[in-house]
PDB file of N, CA and C in Angstrom:
ATOM      1  N   MET A   1      42.020 189.419 -39.271  1.00  0.00           N
ATOM      2  CA  MET A   1      41.989 188.237 -37.552  1.00  0.00           C
ATOM      3  C   MET A   1      43.010 189.448 -36.915  1.00  0.00           C
ATOM      4  N   THR A   2      43.045 189.196 -35.661  1.00  0.00           N
ATOM      5  CA  THR A   2      43.644 190.075 -34.373  1.00  0.00           C
ATOM      6  C   THR A   2      44.890 189.999 -34.086  1.00  0.00           C
ATOM      7  N   MET A   3      45.680 190.610 -33.709  1.00  0.00           N
ATOM      8  CA  MET A   3      47.225 190.080 -33.702  1.00  0.00           C
ATOM      9  C   MET A   3      47.024 188.819 -32.429  1.00  0.00           C
ATOM     10  N   THR A   4      46.308 188.487 -31.416  1.00  0.00           N
ATOM     11  CA  THR A   4      46.290 187.708 -30.576  1.00  0.00           C
ATOM     12  C   THR A   4      45.553 186.581 -31.327  1.00  0.00           C
ATOM     13  N   ALA A   5      44.511 186.512 -31.974  1.00  0.00           N
ATOM     14  CA  ALA A   5      44.276 185.387 -33.046  1.00  0.00           C
ATOM     15  C   ALA A   5      45.077 184.689 -33.439  1.00  0.00           C
ATOM     16  N   ALA A   6      45.789 186.005 -34.394  1.00  0.00           N
ATOM     17  CA  ALA A   6      46.937 184.856 -35.372  1.00  0.00           C
ATOM     18  C   ALA A   6      48.131 184.549 -34.344  1.00  0.00           C
ATOM     19  N   ALA A   7      48.631 185.029 -33.448  1.00  0.00           N
ATOM     20  CA  ALA A   7      49.697 184.207 -32.263  1.00  0.00           C
ATOM     21  C   ALA A   7      49.021 183.217 -32.082  1.00  0.00           C
ATOM     22  N   LEU A   8      47.640 182.712 -31.575  1.00  0.00           N
ATOM     23  CA  LEU A   8      46.784 181.873 -30.590  1.00  0.00           C
ATOM     24  C   LEU A   8      47.262 180.599 -32.099  1.00  0.00           C
ATOM     25  N   THR A   9      46.668 181.388 -32.849  1.00  0.00           N
ATOM     26  CA  THR A   9      46.792 180.101 -34.129  1.00  0.00           C
ATOM     27  C   THR A   9      48.371 179.617 -34.553  1.00  0.00           C
ATOM     28  N   LEU A  10      49.248 180.566 -34.434  1.00  0.00           N
ATOM     29  CA  LEU A  10      50.527 179.768 -35.005  1.00  0.00           C
ATOM     30  C   LEU A  10      51.296 179.281 -33.736  1.00  0.00           C
ATOM     31  N   ALA A  11      50.683 179.592 -32.725  1.00  0.00           N
ATOM     32  CA  ALA A  11      50.652 178.836 -31.232  1.00  0.00           C
ATOM     33  C   ALA A  11      50.010 176.996 -31.336  1.00  0.00           C
ATOM     34  N   ALA A  12      49.494 177.035 -31.669  1.00  0.00           N
ATOM     35  CA  ALA A  12      48.156 175.842 -31.531  1.00  0.00           C
ATOM     36  C   ALA A  12      48.794 175.202 -33.026  1.00  0.00           C
ATOM     37  N   ALA A  13      49.349 175.786 -34.508  1.00  0.00           N
ATOM     38  CA  ALA A  13      49.740 175.310 -35.174  1.00  0.00           C
ATOM     39  C   ALA A  13      50.849 174.165 -35.077  1.00  0.00           C
ATOM     40  N   LEU A  14      52.127 175.245 -34.055  1.00  0.00           N
ATOM     41  CA  LEU A  14      53.411 174.612 -33.815  1.00  0.00           C
ATOM     42  C   LEU A  14      53.063 173.422 -33.221  1.00  0.00           C
ATOM     43  N   VAL A  15      52.350 173.685 -31.853  1.00  0.00           N
ATOM     44  CA  VAL A  15      52.223 172.426 -31.367  1.00  0.00           C
ATOM     45  C   VAL A  15      51.676 171.475 -31.583  1.00  0.00           C
ATOM     46  N   LEU A  16      50.723 171.289 -32.678  1.00  0.00           N
ATOM     47  CA  LEU A  16      50.348 170.249 -33.427  1.00  0.00           C
ATOM     48  C   LEU A  16      50.884 169.453 -33.846  1.00  0.00           C
ATOM     49  N   ALA A  17      51.897 170.391 -34.799  1.00  0.00           N
ATOM     50  CA  ALA A  17      53.242 169.782 -35.472  1.00  0.00           C
ATOM     51  C   ALA A  17      53.862 168.952 -34.381  1.00  0.00           C
ATOM     52  N   GLY A  18      54.472 169.229 -33.737  1.00  0.00           N
ATOM     53  CA  GLY A  18      55.070 168.502 -32.747  1.00  0.00           C
ATOM     54  C   GLY A  18      54.414 167.302 -32.117  1.00  0.00           C
ATOM     55  N   CYS A  19      52.961 167.029 -32.062  1.00  0.00           N
ATOM     56  CA  CYS A  19      52.310 166.109 -31.779  1.00  0.00           C
ATOM     57  C   CYS A  19      52.245 165.143 -32.756  1.00  0.00           C
ATOM     58  N   GLY A  20      53.175 164.879 -33.874  1.00  0.00           N
ATOM     59  CA  GLY A  20      52.721 163.941 -34.739  1.00  0.00           C
ATOM     60  C   GLY A  20      51.680 163.314 -35.500  1.00  0.00           C
ATOM     61  N   LEU A  21      51.193 164.142 -35.829  1.00  0.00           N
ATOM     62  CA  LEU A  21      49.624 164.139 -36.815  1.00  0.00           C
ATOM     63  C   LEU A  21      50.105 162.743 -37.273  1.00  0.00           C
ATOM     64  N   GLY A  22      48.634 162.095 -37.282  1.00  0.00           N
ATOM     65  CA  GLY A  22      48.819 160.457 -37.813  1.00  0.00           C
ATOM     66  C   GLY A  22      49.081 160.052 -37.076  1.00  0.00           C
ATOM     67  N   TYR A  23      49.592 159.689 -35.577  1.00  0.00           N
ATOM     68  CA  TYR A  23      50.284 158.544 -35.205  1.00  0.00           C
ATOM     69  C   TYR A  23      49.179 158.558 -33.865  1.00  0.00           C
ATOM     70  N   THR A  24      49.289 157.094 -33.909  1.00  0.00           N
ATOM     71  CA  THR A  24      48.525 157.168 -32.339  1.00  0.00           C
ATOM     72  C   THR A  24      49.322 156.363 -31.031  1.00  0.00           C
ATOM     73  N   ARG A  25      48.577 157.142 -30.074  1.00  0.00           N
ATOM     74  CA  ARG A  25      49.386 157.050 -28.738  1.00  0.00           C
ATOM     75  C   ARG A  25      49.089 156.086 -28.363  1.00  0.00           C
ATOM     76  N   VAL A  26      50.085 155.697 -28.012  1.00  0.00           N
ATOM     77  CA  VAL A  26      50.324 154.242 -26.537  1.00  0.00           C
ATOM     78  C   VAL A  26      48.945 153.963 -25.516  1.00  0.00           C
ATOM     79  N   ARG A  27      48.450 155.209 -25.008  1.00  0.00           N
ATOM     80  CA  ARG A  27      47.635 155.651 -24.131  1.00  0.00           C
ATOM     81  C   ARG A  27      46.689 155.208 -24.793  1.00  0.00           C
ATOM     82  N   GLU A  28      46.010 155.534 -25.723  1.00  0.00           N
ATOM     83  CA  GLU A  28      44.642 155.847 -26.803  1.00  0.00           C
ATOM     84  C   GLU A  28      44.524 154.240 -26.774  1.00  0.00           C
ATOM     85  N   ILE A  29      45.551 153.080 -27.263  1.00  0.00           N
ATOM     86  CA  ILE A  29      45.255 151.916 -27.528  1.00  0.00           C
ATOM     87  C   ILE A  29      44.731 151.190 -26.185  1.00  0.00           C
ATOM     88  N   LYS A  30      45.540 151.432 -25.275  1.00  0.00           N
ATOM     89  CA  LYS A  30      45.638 150.768 -23.882  1.00  0.00           C
ATOM     90  C   LYS A  30      43.980 150.959 -23.428  1.00  0.00           C
ATOM     91  N   ALA A  31      43.956 151.877 -23.213  1.00  0.00           N
ATOM     92  CA  ALA A  31      42.658 152.740 -23.280  1.00  0.00           C
ATOM     93  C   ALA A  31      41.805 152.112 -23.605  1.00  0.00           C
ATOM     94  N   THR A  32      41.371 151.973 -24.945  1.00  0.00           N
ATOM     95  CA  THR A  32      40.543 151.590 -25.849  1.00  0.00           C
ATOM     96  C   THR A  32      40.748 150.249 -26.944  1.00  0.00           C
ATOM     97  N   PRO A  33      40.999 149.617 -26.303  1.00  0.00           N
ATOM     98  CA  PRO A  33      41.667 148.207 -26.967  1.00  0.00           C
ATOM     99  C   PRO A  33      40.648 147.678 -27.845  1.00  0.00           C
ATOM    100  N   ASP A  34      39.346 147.814 -27.905  1.00  0.00           N
ATOM    101  CA  ASP A  34      38.285 147.212 -28.831  1.00  0.00           C
ATOM    102  C   ASP A  34      38.451 148.207 -29.776  1.00  0.00           C
ATOM    103  N   ARG A  35      38.202 149.578 -30.204  1.00  0.00           N
ATOM    104  CA  ARG A  35      38.868 150.267 -30.946  1.00  0.00           C
ATOM    105  C   ARG A  35      40.152 149.761 -31.961  1.00  0.00           C
ATOM    106  N   PHE A  36      41.120 149.174 -31.549  1.00  0.00           N
ATOM    107  CA  PHE A  36      42.321 148.736 -32.326  1.00  0.00           C
ATOM    108  C   PHE A  36      42.816 147.000 -32.157  1.00  0.00           C
ATOM    109  N   VAL A  37      42.342 146.673 -31.646  1.00  0.00           N
ATOM    110  CA  VAL A  37      42.521 145.298 -32.686  1.00  0.00           C
ATOM    111  C   VAL A  37      42.005 144.825 -33.786  1.00  0.00           C
ATOM    112  N   ASN A  38      43.210 144.449 -34.402  1.00  0.00           N
ATOM    113  CA  ASN A  38      43.260 144.151 -35.575  1.00  0.00           C
ATOM    114  C   ASN A  38      43.428 145.079 -36.381  1.00  0.00           C
ATOM    115  N   LYS A  39      43.368 146.173 -36.330  1.00  0.00           N
ATOM    116  CA  LYS A  39      43.548 147.681 -37.036  1.00  0.00           C
ATOM    117  C   LYS A  39      44.756 147.756 -36.916  1.00  0.00           C
ATOM    118  N   GLU A  40      45.319 148.635 -38.581  1.00  0.00           N
ATOM    119  CA  GLU A  40      46.340 149.066 -38.387  1.00  0.00           C
ATOM    120  C   GLU A  40      46.422 150.327 -37.749  1.00  0.00           C
ATOM    121  N   VAL A  41      47.553 150.624 -37.334  1.00  0.00           N
ATOM    122  CA  VAL A  41      48.206 152.170 -36.758  1.00  0.00           C
ATOM    123  C   VAL A  41      49.637 152.681 -36.938  1.00  0.00           C
ATOM    124  N   ARG A  42      49.659 154.300 -36.634  1.00  0.00           N
ATOM    125  CA  ARG A  42      50.575 154.143 -37.056  1.00  0.00           C
ATOM    126  C   ARG A  42      51.766 154.591 -35.512  1.00  0.00           C
ATOM    127  N   LEU A  43      52.697 154.469 -34.964  1.00  0.00           N
ATOM    128  CA  LEU A  43      53.133 154.841 -33.928  1.00  0.00           C
ATOM    129  C   LEU A  43      54.434 155.366 -33.776  1.00  0.00           C
ATOM    130  N   GLN A  44      54.506 156.312 -33.253  1.00  0.00           N
ATOM    131  CA  GLN A  44      56.500 156.848 -33.337  1.00  0.00           C
ATOM    132  C   GLN A  44      56.541 156.547 -31.421  1.00  0.00           C
ATOM    133  N   GLY A  45      58.111 157.037 -31.739  1.00  0.00           N
ATOM    134  CA  GLY A  45      58.535 156.931 -30.058  1.00  0.00           C
ATOM    135  C   GLY A  45      60.178 156.515 -30.301  1.00  0.00           C
ATOM    136  N   THR A  46      60.432 156.191 -28.880  1.00  0.00           N
ATOM    137  CA  THR A  46      61.496 155.573 -28.807  1.00  0.00           C
ATOM    138  C   THR A  46      61.939 154.030 -28.338  1.00  0.00           C
ATOM    139  N   VAL A  47      62.742 153.263 -28.806  1.00  0.00           N
ATOM    140  CA  VAL A  47      62.761 152.445 -28.221  1.00  0.00           C
ATOM    141  C   VAL A  47      63.199 151.907 -26.981  1.00  0.00           C
ATOM    142  N   GLY A  48      62.784 151.261 -25.981  1.00  0.00           N
ATOM    143  CA  GLY A  48      62.854 151.487 -24.712  1.00  0.00           C
ATOM    144  C   GLY A  48      63.930 150.349 -24.390  1.00  0.00           C
ATOM    145  N   LYS A  49      64.000 149.420 -23.183  1.00  0.00           N
ATOM    146  CA  LYS A  49      65.050 148.493 -22.507  1.00  0.00           C
ATOM    147  C   LYS A  49      64.746 147.573 -23.366  1.00  0.00           C
ATOM    148  N   ALA A  50      65.705 146.641 -23.197  1.00  0.00           N
ATOM    149  CA  ALA A  50      65.385 145.090 -23.923  1.00  0.00           C
ATOM    150  C   ALA A  50      64.413 144.241 -22.440  1.00  0.00           C
ATOM    151  N   ILE A  51      63.754 143.581 -23.642  1.00  0.00           N
ATOM    152  CA  ILE A  51      62.936 142.645 -23.405  1.00  0.00           C
ATOM    153  C   ILE A  51      63.938 141.831 -22.830  1.00  0.00           C
ATOM    154  N   ASP A  52      63.148 140.984 -21.304  1.00  0.00           N
ATOM    155  CA  ASP A  52      63.458 140.424 -20.367  1.00  0.00           C
ATOM    156  C   ASP A  52      62.499 139.217 -20.467  1.00  0.00           C
ATOM    157  N   PRO A  53      62.646 138.004 -20.738  1.00  0.00           N
ATOM    158  CA  PRO A  53      64.501 137.537 -21.181  1.00  0.00           C
ATOM    159  C   PRO A  53      64.225 138.165 -23.092  1.00  0.00           C
ATOM    160  N   PRO A  54      65.639 138.735 -23.410  1.00  0.00           N
ATOM    161  CA  PRO A  54      65.387 139.252 -24.780  1.00  0.00           C
ATOM    162  C   PRO A  54      65.002 138.114 -25.912  1.00  0.00           C
ATOM    163  N   ARG A  55      64.673 138.770 -26.999  1.00  0.00           N
ATOM    164  CA  ARG A  55      64.054 138.307 -28.109  1.00  0.00           C
ATOM    165  C   ARG A  55      64.298 139.030 -29.073  1.00  0.00           C
ATOM    166  N   PRO A  56      64.514 137.730 -29.799  1.00  0.00           N
ATOM    167  CA  PRO A  56      65.318 138.631 -31.247  1.00  0.00           C
ATOM    168  C   PRO A  56      64.141 139.110 -31.812  1.00  0.00           C
ATOM    169  N   ASP A  57      62.990 139.202 -32.197  1.00  0.00           N
ATOM    170  CA  ASP A  57      61.942 139.647 -32.753  1.00  0.00           C
ATOM    171  C   ASP A  57      60.760 140.246 -32.342  1.00  0.00           C
ATOM    172  N   ALA A  58      61.360 140.938 -31.163  1.00  0.00           N
ATOM    173  CA  ALA A  58      60.565 141.993 -30.127  1.00  0.00           C
ATOM    174  C   ALA A  58      61.649 142.992 -29.782  1.00  0.00           C
ATOM    175  N   TYR A  59      60.893 143.974 -29.658  1.00  0.00           N
ATOM    176  CA  TYR A  59      61.218 145.712 -28.879  1.00  0.00           C
ATOM    177  C   TYR A  59      60.295 146.464 -28.109  1.00  0.00           C
ATOM    178  N   VAL A  60      60.693 147.291 -27.441  1.00  0.00           N
ATOM    179  CA  VAL A  60      59.476 147.864 -26.994  1.00  0.00           C
ATOM    180  C   VAL A  60      59.720 149.476 -26.974  1.00  0.00           C
ATOM    181  N   LEU A  61      58.315 150.058 -27.324  1.00  0.00           N
ATOM    182  CA  LEU A  61      58.655 151.359 -28.006  1.00  0.00           C
ATOM    183  C   LEU A  61      58.047 152.099 -27.175  1.00  0.00           C
ATOM    184  N   ARG A  62      58.588 153.084 -27.022  1.00  0.00           N
ATOM    185  CA  ARG A  62      57.892 154.185 -25.465  1.00  0.00           C
ATOM    186  C   ARG A  62      57.207 155.220 -26.125  1.00  0.00           C
ATOM    187  N   ASP A  63      56.522 156.014 -26.100  1.00  0.00           N
ATOM    188  CA  ASP A  63      55.786 157.586 -26.873  1.00  0.00           C
ATOM    189  C   ASP A  63      55.262 158.335 -26.142  1.00  0.00           C
ATOM    190  N   GLY A  64      55.944 158.235 -24.493  1.00  0.00           N
ATOM    191  CA  GLY A  64      55.554 159.529 -23.567  1.00  0.00           C
ATOM    192  C   GLY A  64      54.117 159.095 -23.057  1.00  0.00           C
ATOM    193  N   SER A  65      53.477 158.349 -23.705  1.00  0.00           N
ATOM    194  CA  SER A  65      52.387 158.198 -22.662  1.00  0.00           C
ATOM    195  C   SER A  65      51.964 156.472 -22.723  1.00  0.00           C
ATOM    196  N   GLY A  66      52.694 155.870 -22.679  1.00  0.00           N
ATOM    197  CA  GLY A  66      52.967 154.560 -22.197  1.00  0.00           C
ATOM    198  C   GLY A  66      53.763 154.047 -23.412  1.00  0.00           C
ATOM    199  N   GLU A  67      54.049 152.440 -22.926  1.00  0.00           N
ATOM    200  CA  GLU A  67      55.079 151.312 -23.618  1.00  0.00           C
ATOM    201  C   GLU A  67      54.224 150.302 -24.404  1.00  0.00           C
ATOM    202  N   ILE A  68      54.899 149.320 -25.477  1.00  0.00           N
ATOM    203  CA  ILE A  68      53.655 148.353 -26.051  1.00  0.00           C
ATOM    204  C   ILE A  68      54.926 147.771 -26.708  1.00  0.00           C
ATOM    205  N   LEU A  69      54.946 146.398 -26.868  1.00  0.00           N
ATOM    206  CA  LEU A  69      55.550 145.374 -27.497  1.00  0.00           C
ATOM    207  C   LEU A  69      55.361 145.577 -28.613  1.00  0.00           C
ATOM    208  N   VAL A  70      56.375 145.391 -29.483  1.00  0.00           N
ATOM    209  CA  VAL A  70      56.097 145.324 -31.058  1.00  0.00           C
ATOM    210  C   VAL A  70      57.377 144.569 -31.560  1.00  0.00           C
ATOM    211  N   MET A  71      56.440 143.558 -32.719  1.00  0.00           N
ATOM    212  CA  MET A  71      57.075 142.127 -33.063  1.00  0.00           C
ATOM    213  C   MET A  71      57.696 142.603 -34.080  1.00  0.00           C
ATOM    214  N   THR A  72      58.994 142.440 -34.516  1.00  0.00           N
ATOM    215  CA  THR A  72      59.034 142.422 -35.985  1.00  0.00           C
ATOM    216  C   THR A  72      59.669 141.718 -36.486  1.00  0.00           C
ATOM    217  N   LYS A  73      59.658 141.349 -37.918  1.00  0.00           N
ATOM    218  CA  LYS A  73      60.114 140.523 -38.745  1.00  0.00           C
ATOM    219  C   LYS A  73      62.098 141.049 -39.186  1.00  0.00           C
ATOM    220  N   GLY A  74      62.147 142.201 -38.993  1.00  0.00           N
ATOM    221  CA  GLY A  74      63.166 143.414 -39.545  1.00  0.00           C
ATOM    222  C   GLY A  74      64.303 143.114 -38.554  1.00  0.00           C
ATOM    223  N   GLN A  75      65.451 143.693 -38.729  1.00  0.00           N
ATOM    224  CA  GLN A  75      66.347 144.134 -37.764  1.00  0.00           C
ATOM    225  C   GLN A  75      65.569 144.979 -36.116  1.00  0.00           C
ATOM    226  N   LEU A  76      66.268 144.592 -35.648  1.00  0.00           N
ATOM    227  CA  LEU A  76      65.579 145.473 -34.252  1.00  0.00           C
ATOM    228  C   LEU A  76      66.379 146.399 -33.900  1.00  0.00           C
ATOM    229  N   PRO A  77      65.775 147.448 -33.623  1.00  0.00           N
ATOM    230  CA  PRO A  77      66.316 148.975 -33.679  1.00  0.00           C
ATOM    231  C   PRO A  77      67.380 149.240 -32.090  1.00  0.00           C
ATOM    232  N   ALA A  78      67.817 149.586 -32.035  1.00  0.00           N
ATOM    233  CA  ALA A  78      68.981 150.093 -30.946  1.00  0.00           C
ATOM    234  C   ALA A  78      68.177 150.632 -29.720  1.00  0.00           C
ATOM    235  N   GLN A  79      68.679 150.280 -28.960  1.00  0.00           N
ATOM    236  CA  GLN A  79      68.043 151.363 -27.333  1.00  0.00           C
ATOM    237  C   GLN A  79      68.015 152.539 -27.430  1.00  0.00           C
ATOM    238  N   ASP A  80      67.396 153.054 -27.265  1.00  0.00           N
ATOM    239  CA  ASP A  80      66.912 154.886 -27.370  1.00  0.00           C
ATOM    240  C   ASP A  80      66.971 155.027 -28.559  1.00  0.00           C
ATOM    241  N   ALA A  81      67.244 154.632 -30.287  1.00  0.00           N
ATOM    242  CA  ALA A  81      66.534 155.185 -31.203  1.00  0.00           C
ATOM    243  C   ALA A  81      64.959 155.456 -31.131  1.00  0.00           C
ATOM    244  N   GLY A  82      64.902 156.322 -31.926  1.00  0.00           N
ATOM    245  CA  GLY A  82      63.816 156.865 -32.176  1.00  0.00           C
ATOM    246  C   GLY A  82      63.187 156.340 -33.638  1.00  0.00           C
ATOM    247  N   VAL A  83      61.711 155.847 -33.410  1.00  0.00           N
ATOM    248  CA  VAL A  83      61.178 154.715 -34.272  1.00  0.00           C
ATOM    249  C   VAL A  83      59.696 155.309 -35.134  1.00  0.00           C
ATOM    250  N   ALA A  84      59.307 154.765 -35.853  1.00  0.00           N
ATOM    251  CA  ALA A  84      58.356 155.515 -36.341  1.00  0.00           C
ATOM    252  C   ALA A  84      57.564 153.803 -37.574  1.00  0.00           C
ATOM    253  N   VAL A  85      56.661 153.324 -37.038  1.00  0.00           N
ATOM    254  CA  VAL A  85      56.246 152.286 -37.381  1.00  0.00           C
ATOM    255  C   VAL A  85      54.466 151.618 -38.049  1.00  0.00           C
ATOM    256  N   ARG A  86      54.507 151.201 -38.944  1.00  0.00           N
ATOM    257  CA  ARG A  86      53.003 151.047 -39.065  1.00  0.00           C
ATOM    258  C   ARG A  86      52.628 149.070 -38.757  1.00  0.00           C
ATOM    259  N   GLY A  87      51.888 149.212 -37.643  1.00  0.00           N
ATOM    260  CA  GLY A  87      51.554 147.938 -37.805  1.00  0.00           C
ATOM    261  C   GLY A  87      50.106 147.578 -37.318  1.00  0.00           C
ATOM    262  N   ILE A  88      49.904 146.630 -37.003  1.00  0.00           N
ATOM    263  CA  ILE A  88      48.469 145.871 -36.512  1.00  0.00           C
ATOM    264  C   ILE A  88      48.514 145.418 -35.300  1.00  0.00           C
ATOM    265  N   VAL A  89      47.473 145.768 -34.382  1.00  0.00           N
ATOM    266  CA  VAL A  89      47.185 145.569 -33.182  1.00  0.00           C
ATOM    267  C   VAL A  89      46.978 144.461 -32.932  1.00  0.00           C
ATOM    268  N   ARG A  90      47.557 143.457 -32.197  1.00  0.00           N
ATOM    269  CA  ARG A  90      46.996 142.121 -31.649  1.00  0.00           C
ATOM    270  C   ARG A  90      46.672 142.004 -30.377  1.00  0.00           C
ATOM    271  N   SER A  91      45.725 141.374 -29.630  1.00  0.00           N
ATOM    272  CA  SER A  91      45.640 140.951 -28.336  1.00  0.00           C
ATOM    273  C   SER A  91      46.397 139.620 -28.077  1.00  0.00           C
ATOM    274  N   VAL A  92      46.858 139.453 -27.148  1.00  0.00           N
ATOM    275  CA  VAL A  92      47.245 138.005 -26.559  1.00  0.00           C
ATOM    276  C   VAL A  92      46.828 137.858 -25.140  1.00  0.00           C
ATOM    277  N   VAL A  93      46.434 136.478 -24.769  1.00  0.00           N
ATOM    278  CA  VAL A  93      46.360 136.212 -23.571  1.00  0.00           C
ATOM    279  C   VAL A  93      47.765 135.487 -22.945  1.00  0.00           C
ATOM    280  N   SER A  94      47.745 136.035 -22.198  1.00  0.00           N
ATOM    281  CA  SER A  94      49.473 135.842 -21.492  1.00  0.00           C
ATOM    282  C   SER A  94      48.925 135.001 -20.053  1.00  0.00           C
ATOM    283  N   ARG A  95      49.760 134.089 -19.716  1.00  0.00           N
ATOM    284  CA  ARG A  95      49.127 133.414 -18.166  1.00  0.00           C
ATOM    285  C   ARG A  95      50.643 133.708 -17.219  1.00  0.00           C
ATOM    286  N   GLY A  96      50.575 134.373 -15.974  1.00  0.00           N
ATOM    287  CA  GLY A  96      51.438 134.487 -15.254  1.00  0.00           C
ATOM    288  C   GLY A  96      51.299 134.129 -14.058  1.00  0.00           C
ATOM    289  N   ALA A  97      51.088 135.339 -13.378  1.00  0.00           N
ATOM    290  CA  ALA A  97      50.550 134.890 -11.622  1.00  0.00           C
ATOM    291  C   ALA A  97      49.620 134.659 -11.766  1.00  0.00           C
ATOM    292  N   GLN A  98      48.920 135.823 -12.938  1.00  0.00           N
ATOM    293  CA  GLN A  98      47.299 135.237 -13.266  1.00  0.00           C
ATOM    294  C   GLN A  98      47.119 135.542 -14.829  1.00  0.00           C
ATOM    295  N   TRP A  99      45.821 135.485 -15.165  1.00  0.00           N
ATOM    296  CA  TRP A  99      45.395 135.256 -16.804  1.00  0.00           C
ATOM    297  C   TRP A  99      45.710 136.940 -17.485  1.00  0.00           C
ATOM    298  N   SER A 100      46.168 137.494 -17.685  1.00  0.00           N
ATOM    299  CA  SER A 100      45.797 138.561 -17.905  1.00  0.00           C
ATOM    300  C   SER A 100      45.723 138.906 -19.982  1.00  0.00           C
ATOM    301  N   LEU A 101      45.342 140.768 -20.128  1.00  0.00           N
ATOM    302  CA  LEU A 101      44.896 140.293 -21.466  1.00  0.00           C
ATOM    303  C   LEU A 101      46.302 141.495 -22.137  1.00  0.00           C
ATOM    304  N   ASP A 102      46.994 141.113 -22.991  1.00  0.00           N
ATOM    305  CA  ASP A 102      48.245 141.602 -23.590  1.00  0.00           C
ATOM    306  C   ASP A 102      48.020 142.246 -24.436  1.00  0.00           C
ATOM    307  N   LEU A 103      48.278 143.525 -24.987  1.00  0.00           N
ATOM    308  CA  LEU A 103      48.735 144.332 -26.276  1.00  0.00           C
ATOM    309  C   LEU A 103      49.801 144.297 -26.881  1.00  0.00           C
ATOM    310  N   ARG A 104      50.385 144.092 -27.970  1.00  0.00           N
ATOM    311  CA  ARG A 104      51.589 144.207 -28.936  1.00  0.00           C
ATOM    312  C   ARG A 104      50.731 144.403 -30.562  1.00  0.00           C
ATOM    313  N   VAL A 105      52.281 144.944 -31.197  1.00  0.00           N
ATOM    314  CA  VAL A 105      51.397 145.562 -32.411  1.00  0.00           C
ATOM    315  C   VAL A 105      53.003 144.897 -33.560  1.00  0.00           C
ATOM    316  N   GLU A 106      52.373 144.359 -34.756  1.00  0.00           N
ATOM    317  CA  GLU A 106      53.282 143.074 -35.570  1.00  0.00           C
ATOM    318  C   GLU A 106      53.339 144.175 -36.282  1.00  0.00           C
ATOM    319  N   GLU A 107      54.507 144.367 -36.393  1.00  0.00           N
ATOM    320  CA  GLU A 107      54.790 145.047 -37.242  1.00  0.00           C
ATOM    321  C   GLU A 107      55.001 144.984 -38.885  1.00  0.00           C
ATOM    322  N   THR A 108      54.713 146.110 -39.977  1.00  0.00           N
ATOM    323  CA  THR A 108      54.138 145.597 -41.019  1.00  0.00           C
ATOM    324  C   THR A 108      55.194 146.670 -42.174  1.00  0.00           C
ATOM    325  N   GLU A 109      55.392 148.014 -41.182  1.00  0.00           N
ATOM    326  CA  GLU A 109      56.854 148.373 -42.521  1.00  0.00           C
ATOM    327  C   GLU A 109      57.531 149.375 -41.313  1.00  0.00           C
ATOM    328  N   ARG A 110      58.694 149.466 -41.019  1.00  0.00           N
ATOM    329  CA  ARG A 110      59.152 150.191 -40.371  1.00  0.00           C
ATOM    330  C   ARG A 110      60.029 151.860 -41.167  1.00  0.00           C
ATOM    331  N   LEU A 111      59.106 152.859 -41.047  1.00  0.00           N
ATOM    332  CA  LEU A 111      58.813 153.991 -41.364  1.00  0.00           C
ATOM    333  C   LEU A 111      59.802 154.879 -41.278  1.00  0.00           C
ATOM    334  N   ARG A 112      60.655 154.630 -39.656  1.00  0.00           N
ATOM    335  CA  ARG A 112      61.871 155.684 -39.989  1.00  0.00           C
ATOM    336  C   ARG A 112      62.341 154.808 -38.404  1.00  0.00           C
TER     337      ARG A 112
END
């Protein structure tokens, strides 16, 4: 292996290590919900702003590609805290100004 190839391999490994292998991106879920609804996913990111109106059982998870509502039976994490969760993607029809399909994750395990 040449020096350049070795350097490229090392750089690729470092990039992949920082990408959170094994975690699904929110963007993927929202782009192709049929692949994820009623399936288990692992997500990681930070806790976003509080939900309005506040809910004692839900928080927003942001991962840099988007945000998604996470329903929990556990304690709510602090805003801006780093979290990793395992959960089931659910689709919910909501009615506001219009009918819409919302996606959320039902947390089954807090990984961190």
